[in-house]
Structure formats: C-alpha cells, structure tokens
Amino acid sequence: CLTCNLGTGRGYSVLDVVKAFEKA
C-alpha cells in the first residue's frame, strides 16, 4: 500500500499566481 505526495516541492503565493496569470 503506497502513499505518495504529488507536488512541485515548493509553494507559490497568491500574488505570484496573479502576476503569472496577468503575464499569460
């Protein structure tokens, strides 16, 4: 029975996401 986390290993702030979406 394997239990694993899936993720990037880092976090992004709300404003990080806002700025990246404005760029996209």
mmCIF file of all heavy atoms, coordinates in Angstrom:
data_MODEL
# 
_entry.id   MODEL 
# 
loop_
_atom_site.group_PDB 
_atom_site.id 
_atom_site.type_symbol 
_atom_site.label_atom_id 
_atom_site.label_alt_id 
_atom_site.label_comp_id 
_atom_site.label_asym_id 
_atom_site.label_entity_id 
_atom_site.label_seq_id 
_atom_site.pdbx_PDB_ins_code 
_atom_site.Cartn_x 
_atom_site.Cartn_y 
_atom_site.Cartn_z 
_atom_site.occupancy 
_atom_site.B_iso_or_equiv 
_atom_site.pdbx_formal_charge 
_atom_site.auth_seq_id 
_atom_site.auth_comp_id 
_atom_site.auth_asym_id 
_atom_site.auth_atom_id 
_atom_site.pdbx_PDB_model_num 
ATOM 1   N N   . CYS A 1 1  ? 0.866  -1.173 0.000   1.00 0.00 ? 1  CYS A N   1 
ATOM 2   C CA  . CYS A 1 1  ? 0.000  0.000  0.000   1.00 0.00 ? 1  CYS A CA  1 
ATOM 3   C C   . CYS A 1 1  ? 0.905  1.227  0.000   1.00 0.00 ? 1  CYS A C   1 
ATOM 4   O O   . CYS A 1 1  ? 1.526  1.559  1.006   1.00 0.00 ? 1  CYS A O   1 
ATOM 5   C CB  . CYS A 1 1  ? -0.917 -0.009 1.215   1.00 0.00 ? 1  CYS A CB  1 
ATOM 6   S SG  . CYS A 1 1  ? -2.089 1.348  1.260   1.00 0.00 ? 1  CYS A SG  1 
ATOM 7   N N   . LEU A 1 2  ? 0.994  1.874  -1.117  1.00 0.00 ? 2  LEU A N   1 
ATOM 8   C CA  . LEU A 1 2  ? 1.882  3.005  -1.305  1.00 0.00 ? 2  LEU A CA  1 
ATOM 9   C C   . LEU A 1 2  ? 1.132  4.314  -1.109  1.00 0.00 ? 2  LEU A C   1 
ATOM 10  O O   . LEU A 1 2  ? 0.068  4.516  -1.674  1.00 0.00 ? 2  LEU A O   1 
ATOM 11  C CB  . LEU A 1 2  ? 2.478  2.963  -2.711  1.00 0.00 ? 2  LEU A CB  1 
ATOM 12  C CG  . LEU A 1 2  ? 3.326  4.173  -3.135  1.00 0.00 ? 2  LEU A CG  1 
ATOM 13  C CD1 . LEU A 1 2  ? 4.610  4.213  -2.357  1.00 0.00 ? 2  LEU A CD1 1 
ATOM 14  C CD2 . LEU A 1 2  ? 3.591  4.132  -4.619  1.00 0.00 ? 2  LEU A CD2 1 
ATOM 15  N N   . THR A 1 3  ? 1.687  5.212  -0.308  1.00 0.00 ? 3  THR A N   1 
ATOM 16  C CA  . THR A 1 3  ? 1.134  6.545  -0.132  1.00 0.00 ? 3  THR A CA  1 
ATOM 17  C C   . THR A 1 3  ? 2.181  7.563  -0.535  1.00 0.00 ? 3  THR A C   1 
ATOM 18  O O   . THR A 1 3  ? 3.280  7.579  0.037   1.00 0.00 ? 3  THR A O   1 
ATOM 19  C CB  . THR A 1 3  ? 0.697  6.790  1.317   1.00 0.00 ? 3  THR A CB  1 
ATOM 20  O OG1 . THR A 1 3  ? -0.256 5.805  1.713   1.00 0.00 ? 3  THR A OG1 1 
ATOM 21  C CG2 . THR A 1 3  ? 0.071  8.174  1.456   1.00 0.00 ? 3  THR A CG2 1 
ATOM 22  N N   . CYS A 1 4  ? 1.865  8.399  -1.510  1.00 0.00 ? 4  CYS A N   1 
ATOM 23  C CA  . CYS A 1 4  ? 2.818  9.379  -2.023  1.00 0.00 ? 4  CYS A CA  1 
ATOM 24  C C   . CYS A 1 4  ? 2.199  10.764 -2.134  1.00 0.00 ? 4  CYS A C   1 
ATOM 25  O O   . CYS A 1 4  ? 1.028  10.904 -2.498  1.00 0.00 ? 4  CYS A O   1 
ATOM 26  C CB  . CYS A 1 4  ? 3.311  8.989  -3.419  1.00 0.00 ? 4  CYS A CB  1 
ATOM 27  S SG  . CYS A 1 4  ? 4.555  7.689  -3.442  1.00 0.00 ? 4  CYS A SG  1 
ATOM 28  N N   . ASN A 1 5  ? 3.004  11.767 -1.828  1.00 0.00 ? 5  ASN A N   1 
ATOM 29  C CA  . ASN A 1 5  ? 2.652  13.144 -2.151  1.00 0.00 ? 5  ASN A CA  1 
ATOM 30  C C   . ASN A 1 5  ? 2.993  13.436 -3.604  1.00 0.00 ? 5  ASN A C   1 
ATOM 31  O O   . ASN A 1 5  ? 4.043  13.034 -4.099  1.00 0.00 ? 5  ASN A O   1 
ATOM 32  C CB  . ASN A 1 5  ? 3.435  14.129 -1.279  1.00 0.00 ? 5  ASN A CB  1 
ATOM 33  C CG  . ASN A 1 5  ? 3.077  14.064 0.186   1.00 0.00 ? 5  ASN A CG  1 
ATOM 34  O OD1 . ASN A 1 5  ? 1.951  13.774 0.553   1.00 0.00 ? 5  ASN A OD1 1 
ATOM 35  N ND2 . ASN A 1 5  ? 4.056  14.341 1.039   1.00 0.00 ? 5  ASN A ND2 1 
ATOM 36  N N   . LEU A 1 6  ? 2.112  14.159 -4.270  1.00 0.00 ? 6  LEU A N   1 
ATOM 37  C CA  . LEU A 1 6  ? 2.395  14.682 -5.597  1.00 0.00 ? 6  LEU A CA  1 
ATOM 38  C C   . LEU A 1 6  ? 2.420  16.207 -5.502  1.00 0.00 ? 6  LEU A C   1 
ATOM 39  O O   . LEU A 1 6  ? 1.476  16.808 -5.011  1.00 0.00 ? 6  LEU A O   1 
ATOM 40  C CB  . LEU A 1 6  ? 1.339  14.236 -6.609  1.00 0.00 ? 6  LEU A CB  1 
ATOM 41  C CG  . LEU A 1 6  ? 1.171  12.726 -6.834  1.00 0.00 ? 6  LEU A CG  1 
ATOM 42  C CD1 . LEU A 1 6  ? 0.121  12.471 -7.920  1.00 0.00 ? 6  LEU A CD1 1 
ATOM 43  C CD2 . LEU A 1 6  ? 2.480  12.054 -7.200  1.00 0.00 ? 6  LEU A CD2 1 
ATOM 44  N N   . GLY A 1 7  ? 3.488  16.798 -5.952  1.00 0.00 ? 7  GLY A N   1 
ATOM 45  C CA  . GLY A 1 7  ? 3.599  18.244 -5.894  1.00 0.00 ? 7  GLY A CA  1 
ATOM 46  C C   . GLY A 1 7  ? 4.897  18.703 -6.538  1.00 0.00 ? 7  GLY A C   1 
ATOM 47  O O   . GLY A 1 7  ? 5.702  17.906 -7.017  1.00 0.00 ? 7  GLY A O   1 
ATOM 48  N N   . THR A 1 8  ? 5.101  20.006 -6.529  1.00 0.00 ? 8  THR A N   1 
ATOM 49  C CA  . THR A 1 8  ? 6.302  20.590 -7.109  1.00 0.00 ? 8  THR A CA  1 
ATOM 50  C C   . THR A 1 8  ? 7.437  20.691 -6.105  1.00 0.00 ? 8  THR A C   1 
ATOM 51  O O   . THR A 1 8  ? 8.582  20.927 -6.481  1.00 0.00 ? 8  THR A O   1 
ATOM 52  C CB  . THR A 1 8  ? 6.014  21.993 -7.668  1.00 0.00 ? 8  THR A CB  1 
ATOM 53  O OG1 . THR A 1 8  ? 5.591  22.852 -6.594  1.00 0.00 ? 8  THR A OG1 1 
ATOM 54  C CG2 . THR A 1 8  ? 4.910  21.933 -8.730  1.00 0.00 ? 8  THR A CG2 1 
ATOM 55  N N   . GLY A 1 9  ? 7.138  20.540 -4.832  1.00 0.00 ? 9  GLY A N   1 
ATOM 56  C CA  . GLY A 1 9  ? 8.148  20.686 -3.797  1.00 0.00 ? 9  GLY A CA  1 
ATOM 57  C C   . GLY A 1 9  ? 8.394  22.121 -3.372  1.00 0.00 ? 9  GLY A C   1 
ATOM 58  O O   . GLY A 1 9  ? 9.314  22.404 -2.612  1.00 0.00 ? 9  GLY A O   1 
ATOM 59  N N   . ARG A 1 10 ? 7.572  23.022 -3.868  1.00 0.00 ? 10 ARG A N   1 
ATOM 60  C CA  . ARG A 1 10 ? 7.670  24.431 -3.493  1.00 0.00 ? 10 ARG A CA  1 
ATOM 61  C C   . ARG A 1 10 ? 6.274  25.043 -3.516  1.00 0.00 ? 10 ARG A C   1 
ATOM 62  O O   . ARG A 1 10 ? 5.330  24.460 -4.016  1.00 0.00 ? 10 ARG A O   1 
ATOM 63  C CB  . ARG A 1 10 ? 8.564  25.207 -4.451  1.00 0.00 ? 10 ARG A CB  1 
ATOM 64  C CG  . ARG A 1 10 ? 8.100  25.183 -5.915  1.00 0.00 ? 10 ARG A CG  1 
ATOM 65  C CD  . ARG A 1 10 ? 8.678  26.319 -6.715  1.00 0.00 ? 10 ARG A CD  1 
ATOM 66  N NE  . ARG A 1 10 ? 8.211  27.610 -6.229  1.00 0.00 ? 10 ARG A NE  1 
ATOM 67  C CZ  . ARG A 1 10 ? 8.611  28.773 -6.734  1.00 0.00 ? 10 ARG A CZ  1 
ATOM 68  N NH1 . ARG A 1 10 ? 9.486  28.809 -7.724  1.00 0.00 ? 10 ARG A NH1 1 
ATOM 69  N NH2 . ARG A 1 10 ? 8.124  29.902 -6.260  1.00 0.00 ? 10 ARG A NH2 1 
ATOM 70  N N   . GLY A 1 11 ? 6.147  26.224 -2.946  1.00 0.00 ? 11 GLY A N   1 
ATOM 71  C CA  . GLY A 1 11 ? 4.864  26.906 -2.950  1.00 0.00 ? 11 GLY A CA  1 
ATOM 72  C C   . GLY A 1 11 ? 4.903  28.200 -3.744  1.00 0.00 ? 11 GLY A C   1 
ATOM 73  O O   . GLY A 1 11 ? 5.977  28.785 -3.966  1.00 0.00 ? 11 GLY A O   1 
ATOM 74  N N   . TYR A 1 12 ? 3.730  28.637 -4.177  1.00 0.00 ? 12 TYR A N   1 
ATOM 75  C CA  . TYR A 1 12 ? 3.566  29.926 -4.843  1.00 0.00 ? 12 TYR A CA  1 
ATOM 76  C C   . TYR A 1 12 ? 2.558  30.743 -4.048  1.00 0.00 ? 12 TYR A C   1 
ATOM 77  O O   . TYR A 1 12 ? 1.540  30.222 -3.573  1.00 0.00 ? 12 TYR A O   1 
ATOM 78  C CB  . TYR A 1 12 ? 3.056  29.756 -6.271  1.00 0.00 ? 12 TYR A CB  1 
ATOM 79  C CG  . TYR A 1 12 ? 3.956  28.951 -7.181  1.00 0.00 ? 12 TYR A CG  1 
ATOM 80  C CD1 . TYR A 1 12 ? 3.691  27.609 -7.451  1.00 0.00 ? 12 TYR A CD1 1 
ATOM 81  C CD2 . TYR A 1 12 ? 5.060  29.539 -7.785  1.00 0.00 ? 12 TYR A CD2 1 
ATOM 82  C CE1 . TYR A 1 12 ? 4.494  26.876 -8.305  1.00 0.00 ? 12 TYR A CE1 1 
ATOM 83  C CE2 . TYR A 1 12 ? 5.879  28.810 -8.641  1.00 0.00 ? 12 TYR A CE2 1 
ATOM 84  C CZ  . TYR A 1 12 ? 5.587  27.480 -8.892  1.00 0.00 ? 12 TYR A CZ  1 
ATOM 85  O OH  . TYR A 1 12 ? 6.394  26.756 -9.740  1.00 0.00 ? 12 TYR A OH  1 
ATOM 86  N N   . SER A 1 13 ? 2.821  32.040 -3.915  1.00 0.00 ? 13 SER A N   1 
ATOM 87  C CA  . SER A 1 13 ? 1.879  32.895 -3.206  1.00 0.00 ? 13 SER A CA  1 
ATOM 88  C C   . SER A 1 13 ? 0.715  33.272 -4.113  1.00 0.00 ? 13 SER A C   1 
ATOM 89  O O   . SER A 1 13 ? 0.772  33.107 -5.336  1.00 0.00 ? 13 SER A O   1 
ATOM 90  C CB  . SER A 1 13 ? 2.582  34.161 -2.712  1.00 0.00 ? 13 SER A CB  1 
ATOM 91  O OG  . SER A 1 13 ? 2.826  35.060 -3.794  1.00 0.00 ? 13 SER A OG  1 
ATOM 92  N N   . VAL A 1 14 ? -0.335 33.807 -3.495  1.00 0.00 ? 14 VAL A N   1 
ATOM 93  C CA  . VAL A 1 14 ? -1.486 34.265 -4.271  1.00 0.00 ? 14 VAL A CA  1 
ATOM 94  C C   . VAL A 1 14 ? -1.057 35.326 -5.280  1.00 0.00 ? 14 VAL A C   1 
ATOM 95  O O   . VAL A 1 14 ? -1.462 35.300 -6.444  1.00 0.00 ? 14 VAL A O   1 
ATOM 96  C CB  . VAL A 1 14 ? -2.586 34.813 -3.352  1.00 0.00 ? 14 VAL A CB  1 
ATOM 97  C CG1 . VAL A 1 14 ? -3.741 35.383 -4.184  1.00 0.00 ? 14 VAL A CG1 1 
ATOM 98  C CG2 . VAL A 1 14 ? -3.096 33.737 -2.406  1.00 0.00 ? 14 VAL A CG2 1 
ATOM 99  N N   . LEU A 1 15 ? -0.211 36.248 -4.853  1.00 0.00 ? 15 LEU A N   1 
ATOM 100 C CA  . LEU A 1 15 ? 0.243  37.290 -5.771  1.00 0.00 ? 15 LEU A CA  1 
ATOM 101 C C   . LEU A 1 15 ? 1.164  36.729 -6.853  1.00 0.00 ? 15 LEU A C   1 
ATOM 102 O O   . LEU A 1 15 ? 1.185  37.250 -7.973  1.00 0.00 ? 15 LEU A O   1 
ATOM 103 C CB  . LEU A 1 15 ? 0.933  38.413 -5.004  1.00 0.00 ? 15 LEU A CB  1 
ATOM 104 C CG  . LEU A 1 15 ? 0.002  39.311 -4.162  1.00 0.00 ? 15 LEU A CG  1 
ATOM 105 C CD1 . LEU A 1 15 ? 0.796  40.397 -3.442  1.00 0.00 ? 15 LEU A CD1 1 
ATOM 106 C CD2 . LEU A 1 15 ? -1.082 39.947 -5.031  1.00 0.00 ? 15 LEU A CD2 1 
ATOM 107 N N   . ASP A 1 16 ? 1.916  35.685 -6.551  1.00 0.00 ? 16 ASP A N   1 
ATOM 108 C CA  . ASP A 1 16 ? 2.691  35.004 -7.595  1.00 0.00 ? 16 ASP A CA  1 
ATOM 109 C C   . ASP A 1 16 ? 1.767  34.523 -8.711  1.00 0.00 ? 16 ASP A C   1 
ATOM 110 O O   . ASP A 1 16 ? 2.061  34.682 -9.902  1.00 0.00 ? 16 ASP A O   1 
ATOM 111 C CB  . ASP A 1 16 ? 3.443  33.797 -7.023  1.00 0.00 ? 16 ASP A CB  1 
ATOM 112 C CG  . ASP A 1 16 ? 4.646  34.164 -6.188  1.00 0.00 ? 16 ASP A CG  1 
ATOM 113 O OD1 . ASP A 1 16 ? 5.188  35.272 -6.380  1.00 0.00 ? 16 ASP A OD1 1 
ATOM 114 O OD2 . ASP A 1 16 ? 5.045  33.329 -5.337  1.00 0.00 ? 16 ASP A OD2 1 
ATOM 115 N N   . VAL A 1 17 ? 0.649  33.901 -8.310  1.00 0.00 ? 17 VAL A N   1 
ATOM 116 C CA  . VAL A 1 17 ? -0.304 33.370 -9.285  1.00 0.00 ? 17 VAL A CA  1 
ATOM 117 C C   . VAL A 1 17 ? -0.950 34.502 -10.074 1.00 0.00 ? 17 VAL A C   1 
ATOM 118 O O   . VAL A 1 17 ? -1.110 34.421 -11.296 1.00 0.00 ? 17 VAL A O   1 
ATOM 119 C CB  . VAL A 1 17 ? -1.378 32.509 -8.586  1.00 0.00 ? 17 VAL A CB  1 
ATOM 120 C CG1 . VAL A 1 17 ? -2.375 31.979 -9.607  1.00 0.00 ? 17 VAL A CG1 1 
ATOM 121 C CG2 . VAL A 1 17 ? -0.736 31.346 -7.842  1.00 0.00 ? 17 VAL A CG2 1 
ATOM 122 N N   . VAL A 1 18 ? -1.321 35.585 -9.385  1.00 0.00 ? 18 VAL A N   1 
ATOM 123 C CA  . VAL A 1 18 ? -1.929 36.730 -10.062 1.00 0.00 ? 18 VAL A CA  1 
ATOM 124 C C   . VAL A 1 18 ? -0.987 37.287 -11.126 1.00 0.00 ? 18 VAL A C   1 
ATOM 125 O O   . VAL A 1 18 ? -1.378 37.531 -12.275 1.00 0.00 ? 18 VAL A O   1 
ATOM 126 C CB  . VAL A 1 18 ? -2.310 37.819 -9.041  1.00 0.00 ? 18 VAL A CB  1 
ATOM 127 C CG1 . VAL A 1 18 ? -2.690 39.114 -9.770  1.00 0.00 ? 18 VAL A CG1 1 
ATOM 128 C CG2 . VAL A 1 18 ? -3.473 37.359 -8.167  1.00 0.00 ? 18 VAL A CG2 1 
ATOM 129 N N   . LYS A 1 19 ? 0.279  37.514 -10.746 1.00 0.00 ? 19 LYS A N   1 
ATOM 130 C CA  . LYS A 1 19 ? 1.246  38.081 -11.691 1.00 0.00 ? 19 LYS A CA  1 
ATOM 131 C C   . LYS A 1 19 ? 1.494  37.142 -12.873 1.00 0.00 ? 19 LYS A C   1 
ATOM 132 O O   . LYS A 1 19 ? 1.586  37.585 -14.023 1.00 0.00 ? 19 LYS A O   1 
ATOM 133 C CB  . LYS A 1 19 ? 2.555  38.386 -10.965 1.00 0.00 ? 19 LYS A CB  1 
ATOM 134 C CG  . LYS A 1 19 ? 2.430  39.500 -9.934  1.00 0.00 ? 19 LYS A CG  1 
ATOM 135 C CD  . LYS A 1 19 ? 3.718  39.656 -9.138  1.00 0.00 ? 19 LYS A CD  1 
ATOM 136 C CE  . LYS A 1 19 ? 3.567  40.721 -8.053  1.00 0.00 ? 19 LYS A CE  1 
ATOM 137 N NZ  . LYS A 1 19 ? 4.792  40.815 -7.206  1.00 0.00 ? 19 LYS A NZ  1 
ATOM 138 N N   . ALA A 1 20 ? 1.602  35.853 -12.606 1.00 0.00 ? 20 ALA A N   1 
ATOM 139 C CA  . ALA A 1 20 ? 1.829  34.889 -13.683 1.00 0.00 ? 20 ALA A CA  1 
ATOM 140 C C   . ALA A 1 20 ? 0.629  34.827 -14.621 1.00 0.00 ? 20 ALA A C   1 
ATOM 141 O O   . ALA A 1 20 ? 0.793  34.680 -15.840 1.00 0.00 ? 20 ALA A O   1 
ATOM 142 C CB  . ALA A 1 20 ? 2.126  33.509 -13.096 1.00 0.00 ? 20 ALA A CB  1 
ATOM 143 N N   . PHE A 1 21 ? -0.573 34.953 -14.066 1.00 0.00 ? 21 PHE A N   1 
ATOM 144 C CA  . PHE A 1 21 ? -1.756 34.916 -14.928 1.00 0.00 ? 21 PHE A CA  1 
ATOM 145 C C   . PHE A 1 21 ? -1.882 36.184 -15.760 1.00 0.00 ? 21 PHE A C   1 
ATOM 146 O O   . PHE A 1 21 ? -2.317 36.127 -16.916 1.00 0.00 ? 21 PHE A O   1 
ATOM 147 C CB  . PHE A 1 21 ? -3.026 34.694 -14.102 1.00 0.00 ? 21 PHE A CB  1 
ATOM 148 C CG  . PHE A 1 21 ? -4.101 34.000 -14.868 1.00 0.00 ? 21 PHE A CG  1 
ATOM 149 C CD1 . PHE A 1 21 ? -4.253 32.625 -14.771 1.00 0.00 ? 21 PHE A CD1 1 
ATOM 150 C CD2 . PHE A 1 21 ? -4.960 34.690 -15.717 1.00 0.00 ? 21 PHE A CD2 1 
ATOM 151 C CE1 . PHE A 1 21 ? -5.242 31.959 -15.495 1.00 0.00 ? 21 PHE A CE1 1 
ATOM 152 C CE2 . PHE A 1 21 ? -5.935 34.037 -16.435 1.00 0.00 ? 21 PHE A CE2 1 
ATOM 153 C CZ  . PHE A 1 21 ? -6.075 32.676 -16.335 1.00 0.00 ? 21 PHE A CZ  1 
ATOM 154 N N   . GLU A 1 22 ? -1.516 37.326 -15.185 1.00 0.00 ? 22 GLU A N   1 
ATOM 155 C CA  . GLU A 1 22 ? -1.523 38.559 -15.963 1.00 0.00 ? 22 GLU A CA  1 
ATOM 156 C C   . GLU A 1 22 ? -0.553 38.445 -17.137 1.00 0.00 ? 22 GLU A C   1 
ATOM 157 O O   . GLU A 1 22 ? -0.858 38.890 -18.254 1.00 0.00 ? 22 GLU A O   1 
ATOM 158 C CB  . GLU A 1 22 ? -1.158 39.739 -15.069 1.00 0.00 ? 22 GLU A CB  1 
ATOM 159 C CG  . GLU A 1 22 ? -2.254 40.125 -14.080 1.00 0.00 ? 22 GLU A CG  1 
ATOM 160 C CD  . GLU A 1 22 ? -1.883 41.315 -13.224 1.00 0.00 ? 22 GLU A CD  1 
ATOM 161 O OE1 . GLU A 1 22 ? -0.661 41.526 -12.985 1.00 0.00 ? 22 GLU A OE1 1 
ATOM 162 O OE2 . GLU A 1 22 ? -2.788 42.052 -12.777 1.00 0.00 ? 22 GLU A OE2 1 
ATOM 163 N N   . LYS A 1 23 ? 0.601  37.844 -16.893 1.00 0.00 ? 23 LYS A N   1 
ATOM 164 C CA  . LYS A 1 23 ? 1.577  37.639 -17.951 1.00 0.00 ? 23 LYS A CA  1 
ATOM 165 C C   . LYS A 1 23 ? 1.027  36.711 -19.037 1.00 0.00 ? 23 LYS A C   1 
ATOM 166 O O   . LYS A 1 23 ? 1.182  36.975 -20.237 1.00 0.00 ? 23 LYS A O   1 
ATOM 167 C CB  . LYS A 1 23 ? 2.861  37.061 -17.359 1.00 0.00 ? 23 LYS A CB  1 
ATOM 168 C CG  . LYS A 1 23 ? 3.930  36.702 -18.390 1.00 0.00 ? 23 LYS A CG  1 
ATOM 169 C CD  . LYS A 1 23 ? 5.131  36.062 -17.706 1.00 0.00 ? 23 LYS A CD  1 
ATOM 170 C CE  . LYS A 1 23 ? 6.174  35.599 -18.717 1.00 0.00 ? 23 LYS A CE  1 
ATOM 171 N NZ  . LYS A 1 23 ? 7.312  34.907 -18.038 1.00 0.00 ? 23 LYS A NZ  1 
ATOM 172 N N   . ALA A 1 24 ? 0.361  35.641 -18.637 1.00 0.00 ? 24 ALA A N   1 
ATOM 173 C CA  . ALA A 1 24 ? -0.157 34.662 -19.595 1.00 0.00 ? 24 ALA A CA  1 
ATOM 174 C C   . ALA A 1 24 ? -1.317 35.214 -20.410 1.00 0.00 ? 24 ALA A C   1 
ATOM 175 O O   . ALA A 1 24 ? -1.443 34.936 -21.604 1.00 0.00 ? 24 ALA A O   1 
ATOM 176 C CB  . ALA A 1 24 ? -0.591 33.395 -18.861 1.00 0.00 ? 24 ALA A CB  1 
# 
